[in-house]
Amino acid sequence: MAKHELTAHGLTFLKPGHKRIKALKTEYGEANLHGTKVWDSSFVLMDYLLLDPIPKDRVVFDIGCGWGPTSLFLLKHFSSRVLSIDADDSVEPYLKLHGELNGYEPIFWQRKLNQLKKEDLAMADTIVGGDICFWDELRDDWWKLLKRAKKVGVRQVLIADPGRQPFYDLANWAKERFDAELWEHDIKQPLKTSKYVLEVNLNPEAP
């Protein structure tokens, strides 16, 4: 089944055609909100974090975690305390499978962006997400979330995206209000692609 697998940064990820993924689809059904594969932006975010790393042992919220590639990467390479968050609870079996494959037990929390309150965000040092700003509604929810996160001391937010208009809108808005930069980032492994990473430093000097 090697053709239905991807390896990156010491981790293994399964493609939709893998027999174990097909078995989960039979048992649990397809994910409802685009959690149907490991998306390319996750690999771009991983590579970006290797070049511009976060400190180890941080509490990280992986929003829109899907099958968990970024969560597992953070667990492996940064010893992060990760909360894997997704609006769609049907991704949880796929997240758990990838955790099992790689020797980790990810912690899943079903929440939409607009359900993450100040008291929730106050637990996080860093927030990451990939392919999570593709609708105008999500752009608006990110606007509000960044404001809440700033108020409760979240240090940094990193969002990777192919470059959809709602994401560009979010990036432009963030650059006007915070210490934010938009970077184009290319990778060649485990696949060749180019995406964008929005880095927002909300409270870089927070203790």
C-alpha atoms as a PDB file:
ATOM      1  CA  MET A   1       0.000   0.000   0.000  1.00  0.00           C
ATOM      2  CA  ALA A   2       3.056   2.283  -0.231  1.00  0.00           C
ATOM      3  CA  LYS A   3       1.541   4.181  -3.157  1.00  0.00           C
ATOM      4  CA  HIS A   4      -1.290   5.199  -0.839  1.00  0.00           C
ATOM      5  CA  GLU A   5       1.076   6.632   1.791  1.00  0.00           C
ATOM      6  CA  LEU A   6       3.060   9.842   2.220  1.00  0.00           C
ATOM      7  CA  THR A   7       6.039  10.217   4.506  1.00  0.00           C
ATOM      8  CA  ALA A   8       7.250  13.581   5.728  1.00  0.00           C
ATOM      9  CA  HIS A   9       9.488  14.638   8.609  1.00  0.00           C
ATOM     10  CA  GLY A  10       9.536  11.168  10.107  1.00  0.00           C
ATOM     11  CA  LEU A  11       5.755  10.746   9.990  1.00  0.00           C
ATOM     12  CA  THR A  12       3.450   8.610   7.856  1.00  0.00           C
ATOM     13  CA  PHE A  13       0.181   9.831   6.378  1.00  0.00           C
ATOM     14  CA  LEU A  14      -2.379   7.842   4.434  1.00  0.00           C
ATOM     15  CA  LYS A  15      -4.053   8.825   1.188  1.00  0.00           C
ATOM     16  CA  PRO A  16      -7.810   8.363   0.643  1.00  0.00           C
ATOM     17  CA  GLY A  17      -7.211   5.170  -1.366  1.00  0.00           C
ATOM     18  CA  HIS A  18      -5.473   3.341   1.478  1.00  0.00           C
ATOM     19  CA  LYS A  19      -7.332   0.259   2.699  1.00  0.00           C
ATOM     20  CA  ARG A  20      -7.413   1.494   6.295  1.00  0.00           C
ATOM     21  CA  ILE A  21      -8.959   4.783   5.226  1.00  0.00           C
ATOM     22  CA  LYS A  22     -11.508   2.924   3.118  1.00  0.00           C
ATOM     23  CA  ALA A  23     -12.333   0.779   6.142  1.00  0.00           C
ATOM     24  CA  LEU A  24     -12.963   3.900   8.239  1.00  0.00           C
ATOM     25  CA  LYS A  25     -15.213   5.323   5.532  1.00  0.00           C
ATOM     26  CA  THR A  26     -17.217   2.098   5.571  1.00  0.00           C
ATOM     27  CA  GLU A  27     -17.502   2.128   9.363  1.00  0.00           C
ATOM     28  CA  TYR A  28     -17.944   5.845  10.061  1.00  0.00           C
ATOM     29  CA  GLY A  29     -18.728   7.467   6.729  1.00  0.00           C
ATOM     30  CA  GLU A  30     -17.021  10.333   4.916  1.00  0.00           C
ATOM     31  CA  ALA A  31     -16.013  13.446   6.829  1.00  0.00           C
ATOM     32  CA  ASN A  32     -18.529  16.245   6.344  1.00  0.00           C
ATOM     33  CA  LEU A  33     -16.445  19.451   6.169  1.00  0.00           C
ATOM     34  CA  HIS A  34     -13.579  18.761   3.746  1.00  0.00           C
ATOM     35  CA  GLY A  35     -11.719  16.450   6.139  1.00  0.00           C
ATOM     36  CA  THR A  36     -11.336  13.983   3.288  1.00  0.00           C
ATOM     37  CA  LYS A  37      -7.517  13.851   2.996  1.00  0.00           C
ATOM     38  CA  VAL A  38      -4.287  15.374   4.241  1.00  0.00           C
ATOM     39  CA  TRP A  39      -4.232  18.788   2.559  1.00  0.00           C
ATOM     40  CA  ASP A  40      -1.085  20.196   0.950  1.00  0.00           C
ATOM     41  CA  SER A  41      -1.032  23.323   3.102  1.00  0.00           C
ATOM     42  CA  SER A  42      -0.215  21.166   6.127  1.00  0.00           C
ATOM     43  CA  PHE A  43       3.086  20.117   4.574  1.00  0.00           C
ATOM     44  CA  VAL A  44       3.905  23.725   3.712  1.00  0.00           C
ATOM     45  CA  LEU A  45       3.211  24.765   7.302  1.00  0.00           C
ATOM     46  CA  MET A  46       5.440  21.966   8.609  1.00  0.00           C
ATOM     47  CA  ASP A  47       8.338  23.068   6.428  1.00  0.00           C
ATOM     48  CA  TYR A  48       7.813  26.704   7.408  1.00  0.00           C
ATOM     49  CA  LEU A  49       7.953  25.793  11.102  1.00  0.00           C
ATOM     50  CA  LEU A  50      11.242  23.980  10.613  1.00  0.00           C
ATOM     51  CA  LEU A  51      12.719  27.175   9.153  1.00  0.00           C
ATOM     52  CA  ASP A  52      11.079  29.507  11.684  1.00  0.00           C
ATOM     53  CA  PRO A  53      10.445  27.278  14.694  1.00  0.00           C
ATOM     54  CA  ILE A  54       8.304  27.905  17.724  1.00  0.00           C
ATOM     55  CA  PRO A  55       9.715  27.162  21.185  1.00  0.00           C
ATOM     56  CA  LYS A  56       9.302  23.632  22.476  1.00  0.00           C
ATOM     57  CA  ASP A  57       6.640  22.639  24.985  1.00  0.00           C
ATOM     58  CA  ARG A  58       4.171  25.331  23.977  1.00  0.00           C
ATOM     59  CA  VAL A  59       0.425  24.803  24.137  1.00  0.00           C
ATOM     60  CA  VAL A  60      -0.722  24.833  20.514  1.00  0.00           C
ATOM     61  CA  PHE A  61      -4.262  24.835  19.130  1.00  0.00           C
ATOM     62  CA  ASP A  62      -4.352  23.156  15.702  1.00  0.00           C
ATOM     63  CA  ILE A  63      -7.592  24.582  14.318  1.00  0.00           C
ATOM     64  CA  GLY A  64      -9.146  22.689  11.425  1.00  0.00           C
ATOM     65  CA  CYS A  65      -6.919  19.743  12.307  1.00  0.00           C
ATOM     66  CA  GLY A  66      -8.587  17.285   9.913  1.00  0.00           C
ATOM     67  CA  TRP A  67      -6.628  14.042   9.880  1.00  0.00           C
ATOM     68  CA  GLY A  68      -4.004  15.561  12.159  1.00  0.00           C
ATOM     69  CA  PRO A  69      -0.808  16.031  10.118  1.00  0.00           C
ATOM     70  CA  THR A  70       0.167  19.329  11.711  1.00  0.00           C
ATOM     71  CA  SER A  71      -0.807  18.137  15.184  1.00  0.00           C
ATOM     72  CA  LEU A  72       1.429  15.080  14.879  1.00  0.00           C
ATOM     73  CA  PHE A  73       4.277  17.136  13.467  1.00  0.00           C
ATOM     74  CA  LEU A  74       4.090  19.505  16.445  1.00  0.00           C
ATOM     75  CA  LEU A  75       4.029  16.592  18.885  1.00  0.00           C
ATOM     76  CA  LYS A  76       7.060  14.972  17.277  1.00  0.00           C
ATOM     77  CA  HIS A  77       9.300  17.924  16.516  1.00  0.00           C
ATOM     78  CA  PHE A  78       8.409  20.509  19.167  1.00  0.00           C
ATOM     79  CA  SER A  79       7.065  18.409  22.041  1.00  0.00           C
ATOM     80  CA  SER A  80       4.051  20.705  21.863  1.00  0.00           C
ATOM     81  CA  ARG A  81       1.008  20.170  24.015  1.00  0.00           C
ATOM     82  CA  VAL A  82      -1.475  20.085  21.161  1.00  0.00           C
ATOM     83  CA  LEU A  83      -5.223  20.388  21.150  1.00  0.00           C
ATOM     84  CA  SER A  84      -6.517  19.175  17.764  1.00  0.00           C
ATOM     85  CA  ILE A  85      -9.656  21.164  16.986  1.00  0.00           C
ATOM     86  CA  ASP A  86     -12.115  20.739  14.129  1.00  0.00           C
ATOM     87  CA  ALA A  87     -15.681  21.817  13.452  1.00  0.00           C
ATOM     88  CA  ASP A  88     -16.419  18.341  12.105  1.00  0.00           C
ATOM     89  CA  ASP A  89     -16.476  15.568  14.700  1.00  0.00           C
ATOM     90  CA  SER A  90     -16.463  12.958  11.919  1.00  0.00           C
ATOM     91  CA  VAL A  91     -12.714  13.561  11.397  1.00  0.00           C
ATOM     92  CA  GLU A  92     -11.878  12.142  14.812  1.00  0.00           C
ATOM     93  CA  PRO A  93     -11.489   8.477  13.703  1.00  0.00           C
ATOM     94  CA  TYR A  94      -9.109   9.577  10.931  1.00  0.00           C
ATOM     95  CA  LEU A  95      -7.124  11.694  13.404  1.00  0.00           C
ATOM     96  CA  LYS A  96      -6.892   8.788  15.855  1.00  0.00           C
ATOM     97  CA  LEU A  97      -5.780   6.412  13.095  1.00  0.00           C
ATOM     98  CA  HIS A  98      -2.908   8.693  12.116  1.00  0.00           C
ATOM     99  CA  GLY A  99      -1.984   9.070  15.755  1.00  0.00           C
ATOM    100  CA  GLU A 100      -1.848   5.289  16.112  1.00  0.00           C
ATOM    101  CA  LEU A 101       0.272   4.939  12.968  1.00  0.00           C
ATOM    102  CA  ASN A 102       2.809   7.400  14.306  1.00  0.00           C
ATOM    103  CA  GLY A 103       2.819   6.463  17.972  1.00  0.00           C
ATOM    104  CA  TYR A 104       0.870   9.403  19.396  1.00  0.00           C
ATOM    105  CA  GLU A 105      -2.503   9.942  21.044  1.00  0.00           C
ATOM    106  CA  PRO A 106      -3.848  13.261  19.760  1.00  0.00           C
ATOM    107  CA  ILE A 107      -6.452  15.042  21.851  1.00  0.00           C
ATOM    108  CA  PHE A 108      -9.515  16.014  19.816  1.00  0.00           C
ATOM    109  CA  TRP A 109     -11.950  18.827  20.525  1.00  0.00           C
ATOM    110  CA  GLN A 110     -14.978  19.478  18.319  1.00  0.00           C
ATOM    111  CA  ARG A 111     -15.403  23.238  18.056  1.00  0.00           C
ATOM    112  CA  LYS A 112     -16.167  25.808  15.382  1.00  0.00           C
ATOM    113  CA  LEU A 113     -14.094  28.985  15.234  1.00  0.00           C
ATOM    114  CA  ASN A 114     -16.924  31.068  16.638  1.00  0.00           C
ATOM    115  CA  GLN A 115     -17.292  28.639  19.563  1.00  0.00           C
ATOM    116  CA  LEU A 116     -13.756  29.238  20.837  1.00  0.00           C
ATOM    117  CA  LYS A 117     -14.272  31.699  23.674  1.00  0.00           C
ATOM    118  CA  LYS A 118     -11.710  33.870  25.438  1.00  0.00           C
ATOM    119  CA  GLU A 119     -11.343  31.367  28.267  1.00  0.00           C
ATOM    120  CA  ASP A 120     -10.558  28.635  25.714  1.00  0.00           C
ATOM    121  CA  LEU A 121      -8.040  30.714  23.780  1.00  0.00           C
ATOM    122  CA  ALA A 122      -6.322  31.785  27.013  1.00  0.00           C
ATOM    123  CA  MET A 123      -4.902  28.255  27.266  1.00  0.00           C
ATOM    124  CA  ALA A 124      -2.977  28.570  23.974  1.00  0.00           C
ATOM    125  CA  ASP A 125       0.465  29.994  23.314  1.00  0.00           C
ATOM    126  CA  THR A 126       0.274  29.437  19.555  1.00  0.00           C
ATOM    127  CA  ILE A 127      -2.567  28.795  17.105  1.00  0.00           C
ATOM    128  CA  VAL A 128      -1.992  27.100  13.752  1.00  0.00           C
ATOM    129  CA  GLY A 129      -4.253  26.125  10.863  1.00  0.00           C
ATOM    130  CA  GLY A 130      -4.058  24.971   7.279  1.00  0.00           C
ATOM    131  CA  ASP A 131      -6.718  25.412   4.572  1.00  0.00           C
ATOM    132  CA  ILE A 132      -9.052  26.950   7.105  1.00  0.00           C
ATOM    133  CA  CYS A 133     -10.049  30.292   5.534  1.00  0.00           C
ATOM    134  CA  PHE A 134     -11.871  29.392   2.322  1.00  0.00           C
ATOM    135  CA  TRP A 135     -15.275  31.033   2.904  1.00  0.00           C
ATOM    136  CA  ASP A 136     -16.156  34.656   3.681  1.00  0.00           C
ATOM    137  CA  GLU A 137     -17.836  33.379   6.827  1.00  0.00           C
ATOM    138  CA  LEU A 138     -14.576  31.794   7.985  1.00  0.00           C
ATOM    139  CA  ARG A 139     -12.669  34.993   7.208  1.00  0.00           C
ATOM    140  CA  ASP A 140     -15.059  36.897   9.468  1.00  0.00           C
ATOM    141  CA  ASP A 141     -14.710  34.278  12.197  1.00  0.00           C
ATOM    142  CA  TRP A 142     -10.911  34.562  12.013  1.00  0.00           C
ATOM    143  CA  TRP A 143     -11.146  38.348  12.353  1.00  0.00           C
ATOM    144  CA  LYS A 144     -13.074  37.933  15.578  1.00  0.00           C
ATOM    145  CA  LEU A 145     -10.883  35.101  16.843  1.00  0.00           C
ATOM    146  CA  LEU A 146      -7.675  37.115  16.350  1.00  0.00           C
ATOM    147  CA  LYS A 147      -9.130  39.969  18.390  1.00  0.00           C
ATOM    148  CA  ARG A 148     -10.095  37.590  21.210  1.00  0.00           C
ATOM    149  CA  ALA A 149      -6.723  35.857  21.052  1.00  0.00           C
ATOM    150  CA  LYS A 150      -4.892  39.174  21.312  1.00  0.00           C
ATOM    151  CA  LYS A 151      -6.822  40.130  24.429  1.00  0.00           C
ATOM    152  CA  VAL A 152      -6.054  36.884  26.291  1.00  0.00           C
ATOM    153  CA  GLY A 153      -2.332  36.738  25.520  1.00  0.00           C
ATOM    154  CA  VAL A 154      -1.980  34.258  22.654  1.00  0.00           C
ATOM    155  CA  ARG A 155       1.506  34.854  21.296  1.00  0.00           C
ATOM    156  CA  GLN A 156       1.302  33.833  17.653  1.00  0.00           C
ATOM    157  CA  VAL A 157      -1.035  32.615  14.919  1.00  0.00           C
ATOM    158  CA  LEU A 158       0.141  30.818  11.761  1.00  0.00           C
ATOM    159  CA  ILE A 159      -2.280  30.032   8.915  1.00  0.00           C
ATOM    160  CA  ALA A 160      -1.343  28.326   5.630  1.00  0.00           C
ATOM    161  CA  ASP A 161      -3.501  28.595   2.510  1.00  0.00           C
ATOM    162  CA  PRO A 162      -3.286  28.245  -1.298  1.00  0.00           C
ATOM    163  CA  GLY A 163      -4.249  31.908  -1.634  1.00  0.00           C
ATOM    164  CA  ARG A 164      -8.017  32.110  -1.732  1.00  0.00           C
ATOM    165  CA  GLN A 165      -9.629  35.553  -1.601  1.00  0.00           C
ATOM    166  CA  PRO A 166     -11.006  35.235   1.959  1.00  0.00           C
ATOM    167  CA  PHE A 167      -7.490  34.357   3.125  1.00  0.00           C
ATOM    168  CA  TYR A 168      -6.008  37.390   1.336  1.00  0.00           C
ATOM    169  CA  ASP A 169      -8.686  39.555   2.933  1.00  0.00           C
ATOM    170  CA  LEU A 170      -7.732  38.177   6.342  1.00  0.00           C
ATOM    171  CA  ALA A 171      -4.021  38.759   5.683  1.00  0.00           C
ATOM    172  CA  ASN A 172      -4.558  42.369   4.610  1.00  0.00           C
ATOM    173  CA  TRP A 173      -6.765  43.038   7.614  1.00  0.00           C
ATOM    174  CA  ALA A 174      -4.234  41.462  10.011  1.00  0.00           C
ATOM    175  CA  LYS A 175      -1.302  43.426   8.556  1.00  0.00           C
ATOM    176  CA  GLU A 176      -3.155  46.682   9.249  1.00  0.00           C
ATOM    177  CA  ARG A 177      -3.843  45.831  12.887  1.00  0.00           C
ATOM    178  CA  PHE A 178      -1.112  43.537  14.169  1.00  0.00           C
ATOM    179  CA  ASP A 179       2.522  42.602  13.638  1.00  0.00           C
ATOM    180  CA  ALA A 180       1.708  40.358  10.676  1.00  0.00           C
ATOM    181  CA  GLU A 181       3.461  39.176   7.528  1.00  0.00           C
ATOM    182  CA  LEU A 182       2.343  37.114   4.534  1.00  0.00           C
ATOM    183  CA  TRP A 183       4.957  34.768   3.094  1.00  0.00           C
ATOM    184  CA  GLU A 184       4.951  32.636  -0.042  1.00  0.00           C
ATOM    185  CA  HIS A 185       6.519  29.272   0.738  1.00  0.00           C
ATOM    186  CA  ASP A 186       7.529  26.503  -1.679  1.00  0.00           C
ATOM    187  CA  ILE A 187       8.236  22.860  -0.903  1.00  0.00           C
ATOM    188  CA  LYS A 188       9.455  19.938  -3.006  1.00  0.00           C
ATOM    189  CA  GLN A 189       8.857  17.081  -0.567  1.00  0.00           C
ATOM    190  CA  PRO A 190       6.728  15.062   0.021  1.00  0.00           C
ATOM    191  CA  LEU A 191       5.062  16.888  -2.881  1.00  0.00           C
ATOM    192  CA  LYS A 192       5.847  19.936  -4.966  1.00  0.00           C
ATOM    193  CA  THR A 193       3.620  22.884  -4.168  1.00  0.00           C
ATOM    194  CA  SER A 194       3.577  26.579  -3.328  1.00  0.00           C
ATOM    195  CA  LYS A 195       1.308  28.093  -0.679  1.00  0.00           C
ATOM    196  CA  TYR A 196       1.136  31.135   1.570  1.00  0.00           C
ATOM    197  CA  VAL A 197       1.699  31.415   5.306  1.00  0.00           C
ATOM    198  CA  LEU A 198       0.204  34.253   7.325  1.00  0.00           C
ATOM    199  CA  GLU A 199       2.209  34.833  10.502  1.00  0.00           C
ATOM    200  CA  VAL A 200       0.544  37.058  13.093  1.00  0.00           C
ATOM    201  CA  ASN A 201       2.520  37.961  16.218  1.00  0.00           C
ATOM    202  CA  LEU A 202      -0.123  39.053  18.672  1.00  0.00           C
ATOM    203  CA  ASN A 203       1.771  39.121  21.974  1.00  0.00           C
ATOM    204  CA  PRO A 204       5.384  38.139  21.190  1.00  0.00           C
ATOM    205  CA  GLU A 205       6.650  39.345  24.591  1.00  0.00           C
ATOM    206  CA  ALA A 206       4.012  37.500  26.614  1.00  0.00           C
ATOM    207  CA  PRO A 207       5.483  35.478  29.523  1.00  0.00           C
END
